[in-house]
N, C-alpha and C. Protein backbone atom coordinates (compact mmCIF):
# COMPACT_ATOMS: atom_id res chain seq x y z
N MET A 1 0.86 -1.17 0.00
CA MET A 1 0.00 0.00 0.00
C MET A 1 0.90 1.23 0.00
N CYS A 2 0.57 2.23 -0.77
CA CYS A 2 1.41 3.43 -0.81
C CYS A 2 1.19 4.27 0.44
N THR A 3 2.09 5.15 0.70
CA THR A 3 2.05 5.96 1.92
C THR A 3 0.78 6.80 1.99
N PHE A 4 0.37 7.39 0.87
CA PHE A 4 -0.83 8.22 0.85
C PHE A 4 -2.06 7.39 1.21
N SER A 5 -2.21 6.24 0.59
CA SER A 5 -3.34 5.36 0.87
C SER A 5 -3.33 4.91 2.32
N GLU A 6 -2.16 4.59 2.82
CA GLU A 6 -2.04 4.15 4.21
C GLU A 6 -2.44 5.28 5.16
N GLY A 7 -2.05 6.50 4.82
CA GLY A 7 -2.43 7.66 5.64
C GLY A 7 -3.93 7.86 5.66
N LEU A 8 -4.56 7.75 4.49
CA LEU A 8 -6.02 7.88 4.42
C LEU A 8 -6.71 6.77 5.22
N TRP A 9 -6.20 5.56 5.08
CA TRP A 9 -6.77 4.43 5.81
C TRP A 9 -6.68 4.66 7.32
N ASN A 10 -5.51 5.07 7.78
CA ASN A 10 -5.31 5.31 9.21
C ASN A 10 -6.21 6.43 9.73
N GLN A 11 -6.38 7.48 8.92
CA GLN A 11 -7.24 8.59 9.32
C GLN A 11 -8.70 8.12 9.40
N ALA A 12 -9.16 7.38 8.41
CA ALA A 12 -10.54 6.88 8.42
C ALA A 12 -10.75 5.92 9.58
N TRP A 13 -9.79 5.06 9.81
CA TRP A 13 -9.90 4.10 10.91
C TRP A 13 -9.97 4.84 12.25
N GLY A 14 -9.13 5.84 12.43
CA GLY A 14 -9.11 6.63 13.67
C GLY A 14 -10.43 7.34 13.91
N GLN A 15 -10.99 7.92 12.85
CA GLN A 15 -12.28 8.60 12.99
C GLN A 15 -13.39 7.62 13.33
N ALA A 16 -13.40 6.47 12.69
CA ALA A 16 -14.42 5.46 12.97
C ALA A 16 -14.28 4.94 14.40
N PHE A 17 -13.07 4.74 14.84
CA PHE A 17 -12.82 4.26 16.19
C PHE A 17 -13.31 5.28 17.22
N ASN A 18 -12.97 6.54 17.01
CA ASN A 18 -13.41 7.59 17.94
C ASN A 18 -14.93 7.75 17.95
N THR A 19 -15.55 7.60 16.80
CA THR A 19 -17.01 7.67 16.72
C THR A 19 -17.63 6.52 17.51
N GLY A 20 -17.08 5.34 17.36
CA GLY A 20 -17.58 4.17 18.09
C GLY A 20 -17.43 4.34 19.59
N ILE A 21 -16.30 4.85 20.03
CA ILE A 21 -16.07 5.09 21.46
C ILE A 21 -17.08 6.11 21.97
N SER A 22 -17.27 7.17 21.23
CA SER A 22 -18.21 8.22 21.63
C SER A 22 -19.63 7.67 21.74
N GLN A 23 -20.04 6.87 20.77
CA GLN A 23 -21.38 6.28 20.80
C GLN A 23 -21.52 5.31 21.97
N GLY A 24 -20.47 4.57 22.27
CA GLY A 24 -20.50 3.66 23.41
C GLY A 24 -20.65 4.40 24.72
N LYS A 25 -19.98 5.54 24.84
CA LYS A 25 -20.10 6.35 26.05
C LYS A 25 -21.50 6.92 26.19
N LYS A 26 -22.07 7.37 25.06
CA LYS A 26 -23.44 7.88 25.09
C LYS A 26 -24.40 6.79 25.54
N GLU A 27 -24.20 5.58 25.04
CA GLU A 27 -25.06 4.45 25.41
C GLU A 27 -24.92 4.15 26.90
N SER A 28 -23.71 4.25 27.44
CA SER A 28 -23.50 4.01 28.86
C SER A 28 -24.22 5.06 29.70
N VAL A 29 -24.14 6.32 29.28
CA VAL A 29 -24.85 7.39 30.00
C VAL A 29 -26.34 7.12 29.97
N ARG A 30 -26.86 6.79 28.79
CA ARG A 30 -28.29 6.52 28.62
C ARG A 30 -28.74 5.37 29.52
N ASN A 31 -27.98 4.28 29.55
CA ASN A 31 -28.36 3.11 30.34
C ASN A 31 -28.30 3.39 31.84
N LEU A 32 -27.29 4.10 32.27
CA LEU A 32 -27.16 4.41 33.69
C LEU A 32 -28.32 5.28 34.15
N MET A 33 -28.65 6.29 33.37
CA MET A 33 -29.76 7.18 33.73
C MET A 33 -31.10 6.45 33.68
N LYS A 34 -31.23 5.51 32.76
CA LYS A 34 -32.47 4.76 32.62
C LYS A 34 -32.67 3.80 33.80
N ASN A 35 -31.60 3.18 34.25
CA ASN A 35 -31.71 2.15 35.28
C ASN A 35 -31.61 2.67 36.71
N ILE A 36 -31.17 3.89 36.88
CA ILE A 36 -31.14 4.51 38.20
C ILE A 36 -31.94 5.81 38.09
N PRO A 37 -33.22 5.76 38.42
CA PRO A 37 -34.14 6.88 38.16
C PRO A 37 -33.70 8.23 38.74
N ASP A 38 -33.03 8.25 39.89
CA ASP A 38 -32.64 9.51 40.50
C ASP A 38 -31.30 10.05 39.99
N MET A 39 -30.70 9.37 39.05
CA MET A 39 -29.38 9.76 38.55
C MET A 39 -29.51 10.97 37.62
N THR A 40 -28.80 12.03 37.95
CA THR A 40 -28.79 13.21 37.09
C THR A 40 -27.75 13.04 36.00
N LEU A 41 -27.88 13.83 34.95
CA LEU A 41 -26.91 13.78 33.86
C LEU A 41 -25.52 14.15 34.38
N GLU A 42 -25.45 15.19 35.18
CA GLU A 42 -24.15 15.63 35.70
C GLU A 42 -23.48 14.54 36.53
N LYS A 43 -24.23 13.88 37.40
CA LYS A 43 -23.68 12.81 38.24
C LYS A 43 -23.25 11.63 37.37
N THR A 44 -24.02 11.30 36.37
CA THR A 44 -23.69 10.21 35.45
C THR A 44 -22.37 10.50 34.73
N LEU A 45 -22.23 11.72 34.23
CA LEU A 45 -21.01 12.11 33.53
C LEU A 45 -19.80 12.04 34.46
N GLU A 46 -20.01 12.42 35.70
CA GLU A 46 -18.92 12.37 36.69
C GLU A 46 -18.53 10.92 37.00
N ILE A 47 -19.51 10.07 37.24
CA ILE A 47 -19.26 8.67 37.58
C ILE A 47 -18.52 7.96 36.45
N LEU A 48 -18.93 8.22 35.20
CA LEU A 48 -18.32 7.55 34.05
C LEU A 48 -17.04 8.24 33.59
N ASP A 49 -16.68 9.35 34.23
CA ASP A 49 -15.46 10.09 33.90
C ASP A 49 -15.42 10.45 32.42
N ILE A 50 -16.54 11.02 31.95
CA ILE A 50 -16.67 11.42 30.55
C ILE A 50 -15.80 12.67 30.32
N PRO A 51 -15.00 12.69 29.25
CA PRO A 51 -14.15 13.86 28.97
C PRO A 51 -14.97 15.14 28.75
N ALA A 52 -14.36 16.27 29.04
CA ALA A 52 -15.04 17.57 28.99
C ALA A 52 -15.71 17.84 27.64
N GLU A 53 -15.01 17.53 26.54
CA GLU A 53 -15.60 17.85 25.22
C GLU A 53 -16.87 17.03 24.95
N LEU A 54 -16.91 15.79 25.43
CA LEU A 54 -18.11 14.98 25.24
C LEU A 54 -19.19 15.40 26.24
N ARG A 55 -18.80 15.82 27.45
CA ARG A 55 -19.77 16.32 28.44
C ARG A 55 -20.57 17.47 27.87
N GLU A 56 -19.84 18.42 27.26
CA GLU A 56 -20.49 19.58 26.67
C GLU A 56 -21.49 19.17 25.61
N SER A 57 -21.08 18.24 24.77
CA SER A 57 -21.93 17.74 23.70
C SER A 57 -23.20 17.09 24.27
N LEU A 58 -23.04 16.27 25.30
CA LEU A 58 -24.19 15.59 25.90
C LEU A 58 -25.10 16.56 26.64
N GLN A 59 -24.53 17.55 27.30
CA GLN A 59 -25.33 18.53 28.03
C GLN A 59 -26.18 19.37 27.09
N ASN A 60 -25.73 19.54 25.85
CA ASN A 60 -26.47 20.31 24.86
C ASN A 60 -27.38 19.44 23.99
N ASP A 61 -27.31 18.13 24.16
CA ASP A 61 -28.11 17.19 23.38
C ASP A 61 -29.52 17.11 23.95
N PRO A 62 -30.54 17.42 23.15
CA PRO A 62 -31.93 17.37 23.65
C PRO A 62 -32.32 16.00 24.22
N GLU A 63 -31.73 14.95 23.71
CA GLU A 63 -32.05 13.62 24.20
C GLU A 63 -31.70 13.47 25.69
N PHE A 64 -30.65 14.12 26.13
CA PHE A 64 -30.20 14.01 27.50
C PHE A 64 -30.75 15.12 28.38
N ASN A 65 -31.45 16.07 27.81
CA ASN A 65 -32.07 17.14 28.59
C ASN A 65 -33.47 16.75 29.07
N LYS A 66 -33.96 15.63 28.60
CA LYS A 66 -35.26 15.15 29.03
C LYS A 66 -35.05 13.92 29.92
N THR A 67 -36.06 13.51 30.58
CA THR A 67 -35.97 12.33 31.40
C THR A 67 -35.90 11.11 30.51
N ILE A 68 -34.91 10.27 30.73
CA ILE A 68 -34.76 9.05 29.93
C ILE A 68 -35.57 7.94 30.59
N SER A 69 -36.40 7.30 29.80
CA SER A 69 -37.23 6.22 30.34
C SER A 69 -37.27 5.05 29.39
């Protein structure tokens, strides 16, 4: 594989991996809030040690601003 193709492959793989990790973290937040009714979004993010950039994204996401049931 040429260097350019390898670079593109690595970049695409990295983006897909990060997207998968992000979606997995969102699913964890959703499940924790669903299964522990008194759990707030802020407490969930703290317990799961969600990074600041993803916290901001989740706090602005309408899905997480409503009660998850």
